[in-house]
Amino acid sequence: MRGKRTRERQVLDDVSKAIISQLQQDGRRSYAAIGKVVGLSEAAVRQRVQRLTDSGVMQVVAVTDPMELGFARQAMVGVRVTGAIEPVADAIAALDEVDYVVVTAGSYDVLAEVVAETDEHLLEIISDRIRAIPGVLNTETFMYLHLRKQTYSWGVR
């Protein structure tokens, strides 16, 4: 789930958990196929999925490999902040080239994943845009060399 967590945690029943599990295995799985596994009609599964997405519990998206789409560089940027962290995190999140932002505890106040078309583009994003945000004290860039694992199927509780 992205964004600020202002809602109470949703309590999911076993059927909703099973639907989420099915979609984590294959986000294109039909509602009819899911219904057979979880014991609901296609229409009932459709309604449950709609409720789960409307409430922010889950989202069904296509995950792409940025390197296969013409982005030559992908990096995690650690950001140290002076003053309020949230406005800095929000400003970084507003950048089109940033696809992931978290406020953290530890050496960095914010971690941001950046995708760029070239080394020069990455330099411009970091030097001219991220470091120009009021409150950014300094940054450290971790270039991705080889993706070894990326998963979105951690299950449900």
Protein backbone atom coordinates (compact mmCIF):
# COMPACT_ATOMS: atom_id res chain seq x y z
CA MET A 1 0.00 0.00 0.00
CA ARG A 2 1.34 3.41 -0.87
CA GLY A 3 0.85 6.74 0.80
CA LYS A 4 0.14 7.70 4.36
CA ARG A 5 -1.38 5.13 6.68
CA THR A 6 -4.22 6.98 8.31
CA ARG A 7 -6.80 4.19 8.27
CA GLU A 8 -7.19 1.43 10.78
CA ARG A 9 -5.81 -1.91 9.72
CA GLN A 10 -8.40 -3.96 7.89
CA VAL A 11 -9.30 -7.37 9.29
CA LEU A 12 -9.62 -9.78 6.38
CA ASP A 13 -11.60 -12.99 6.40
CA ASP A 14 -10.17 -16.21 4.99
CA VAL A 15 -11.97 -15.77 1.65
CA SER A 16 -10.49 -12.30 1.07
CA LYS A 17 -7.06 -13.63 2.01
CA ALA A 18 -7.48 -16.49 -0.47
CA ILE A 19 -8.49 -14.05 -3.23
CA ILE A 20 -5.41 -11.92 -2.54
CA SER A 21 -3.22 -15.01 -2.57
CA GLN A 22 -4.63 -16.05 -5.95
CA LEU A 23 -3.96 -12.60 -7.41
CA GLN A 24 -0.43 -12.52 -5.96
CA GLN A 25 0.29 -15.74 -7.83
CA ASP A 26 -1.15 -14.36 -11.09
CA GLY A 27 -2.67 -10.88 -11.29
CA ARG A 28 -4.37 -11.85 -14.57
CA ARG A 29 -6.23 -14.80 -13.09
CA SER A 30 -9.91 -14.59 -13.99
CA TYR A 31 -12.57 -13.96 -11.37
CA ALA A 32 -14.25 -17.20 -12.46
CA ALA A 33 -11.05 -19.19 -11.84
CA ILE A 34 -10.54 -17.51 -8.47
CA GLY A 35 -14.18 -18.19 -7.60
CA LYS A 36 -13.70 -21.93 -8.17
CA VAL A 37 -10.77 -21.98 -5.76
CA VAL A 38 -12.37 -19.87 -3.02
CA GLY A 39 -15.96 -21.10 -3.38
CA LEU A 40 -17.61 -17.90 -4.65
CA SER A 41 -19.33 -16.87 -7.84
CA GLU A 42 -17.48 -14.74 -10.39
CA ALA A 43 -19.65 -11.74 -9.45
CA ALA A 44 -18.92 -12.19 -5.73
CA VAL A 45 -15.18 -12.33 -6.42
CA ARG A 46 -15.43 -9.20 -8.56
CA GLN A 47 -17.20 -7.36 -5.71
CA ARG A 48 -14.62 -8.51 -3.16
CA VAL A 49 -11.72 -7.44 -5.37
CA GLN A 50 -13.36 -4.06 -5.91
CA ARG A 51 -13.80 -3.58 -2.14
CA LEU A 52 -10.20 -4.62 -1.48
CA THR A 53 -8.85 -2.18 -4.05
CA ASP A 54 -11.21 0.66 -3.08
CA SER A 55 -10.18 0.34 0.56
CA GLY A 56 -6.47 0.39 -0.30
CA VAL A 57 -5.80 -3.12 0.99
CA MET A 58 -4.39 -4.14 -2.40
CA GLN A 59 -3.82 -3.02 -5.93
CA VAL A 60 -3.46 -5.10 -9.06
CA VAL A 61 -0.79 -3.70 -11.36
CA ALA A 62 1.61 -4.75 -14.10
CA VAL A 63 5.18 -4.78 -12.79
CA THR A 64 7.75 -3.93 -15.44
CA ASP A 65 11.51 -4.19 -15.62
CA PRO A 66 12.71 -0.59 -16.13
CA MET A 67 15.88 -1.83 -17.84
CA GLU A 68 13.78 -3.54 -20.50
CA LEU A 69 11.81 -0.33 -21.11
CA GLY A 70 14.78 1.86 -21.98
CA PHE A 71 15.84 3.03 -18.53
CA ALA A 72 19.59 2.41 -18.33
CA ARG A 73 19.98 3.22 -14.64
CA GLN A 74 18.13 2.29 -11.49
CA ALA A 75 19.33 3.38 -8.06
CA MET A 76 18.30 3.71 -4.45
CA VAL A 77 18.99 7.15 -3.02
CA GLY A 78 19.44 7.57 0.72
CA VAL A 79 18.49 11.08 1.85
CA ARG A 80 19.36 12.78 5.11
CA VAL A 81 17.00 15.58 6.06
CA THR A 82 17.21 18.60 8.31
CA GLY A 83 13.89 19.68 9.80
CA ALA A 84 10.58 18.02 8.97
CA ILE A 85 10.94 14.78 7.03
CA GLU A 86 7.43 14.43 5.58
CA PRO A 87 7.55 17.49 3.26
CA VAL A 88 10.87 16.30 1.84
CA ALA A 89 9.53 12.78 1.33
CA ASP A 90 6.42 14.19 -0.38
CA ALA A 91 8.51 16.39 -2.69
CA ILE A 92 10.71 13.43 -3.67
CA ALA A 93 7.63 11.26 -4.23
CA ALA A 94 6.27 13.89 -6.63
CA LEU A 95 9.18 13.37 -9.04
CA ASP A 96 8.18 11.29 -12.07
CA GLU A 97 11.41 9.30 -12.06
CA VAL A 98 10.92 8.19 -8.46
CA ASP A 99 8.86 5.01 -8.09
CA TYR A 100 9.30 4.20 -4.40
CA VAL A 101 9.71 6.40 -1.32
CA VAL A 102 9.84 5.41 2.35
CA VAL A 103 10.53 7.33 5.53
CA THR A 104 13.01 5.29 7.51
CA ALA A 105 14.77 4.99 10.84
CA GLY A 106 18.53 4.63 10.74
CA SER A 107 21.28 6.29 8.73
CA TYR A 108 18.87 7.86 6.24
CA ASP A 109 15.61 9.65 6.83
CA VAL A 110 14.22 8.81 3.38
CA LEU A 111 14.97 6.13 0.80
CA ALA A 112 13.88 6.71 -2.79
CA GLU A 113 14.16 4.42 -5.79
CA VAL A 114 14.98 6.30 -8.98
CA VAL A 115 14.85 5.15 -12.62
CA ALA A 116 16.77 7.13 -15.23
CA GLU A 117 17.38 6.91 -18.96
CA THR A 118 21.12 7.65 -18.74
CA ASP A 119 23.85 8.38 -16.23
CA GLU A 120 23.45 12.07 -17.07
CA HIS A 121 19.72 11.86 -16.39
CA LEU A 122 20.37 10.20 -13.02
CA LEU A 123 22.90 12.92 -12.15
CA GLU A 124 20.35 15.62 -13.05
CA ILE A 125 17.63 13.98 -10.92
CA ILE A 126 19.89 13.72 -7.88
CA SER A 127 21.94 16.91 -8.17
CA ASP A 128 19.45 19.35 -9.64
CA ARG A 129 16.15 18.09 -8.33
CA ILE A 130 16.46 15.98 -5.16
CA ARG A 131 19.30 17.99 -3.61
CA ALA A 132 17.47 21.22 -4.47
CA ILE A 133 14.50 20.28 -2.26
CA PRO A 134 14.46 22.46 0.88
CA GLY A 135 15.48 20.35 3.87
CA VAL A 136 17.68 17.88 1.98
CA LEU A 137 20.96 17.78 3.89
CA ASN A 138 22.78 15.21 1.73
CA THR A 139 22.27 12.11 -0.37
CA GLU A 140 24.01 8.83 -1.07
CA THR A 141 23.31 6.87 -4.22
CA PHE A 142 23.35 3.09 -4.45
CA MET A 143 23.49 2.02 -8.11
CA TYR A 144 21.72 -1.22 -8.96
CA LEU A 145 24.10 -3.55 -10.78
CA HIS A 146 22.03 -6.73 -10.96
CA LEU A 147 18.54 -7.52 -9.66
CA ARG A 148 18.66 -10.84 -7.84
CA LYS A 149 15.15 -10.97 -6.39
CA GLN A 150 11.97 -8.95 -6.50
CA THR A 151 8.72 -10.42 -5.27
CA TYR A 152 5.28 -9.19 -4.40
CA SER A 153 3.88 -12.48 -3.12
CA TRP A 154 4.58 -12.24 0.60
CA GLY A 155 1.15 -13.53 1.45
CA VAL A 156 -1.49 -12.22 3.84
CA ARG A 157 -2.01 -12.46 7.58
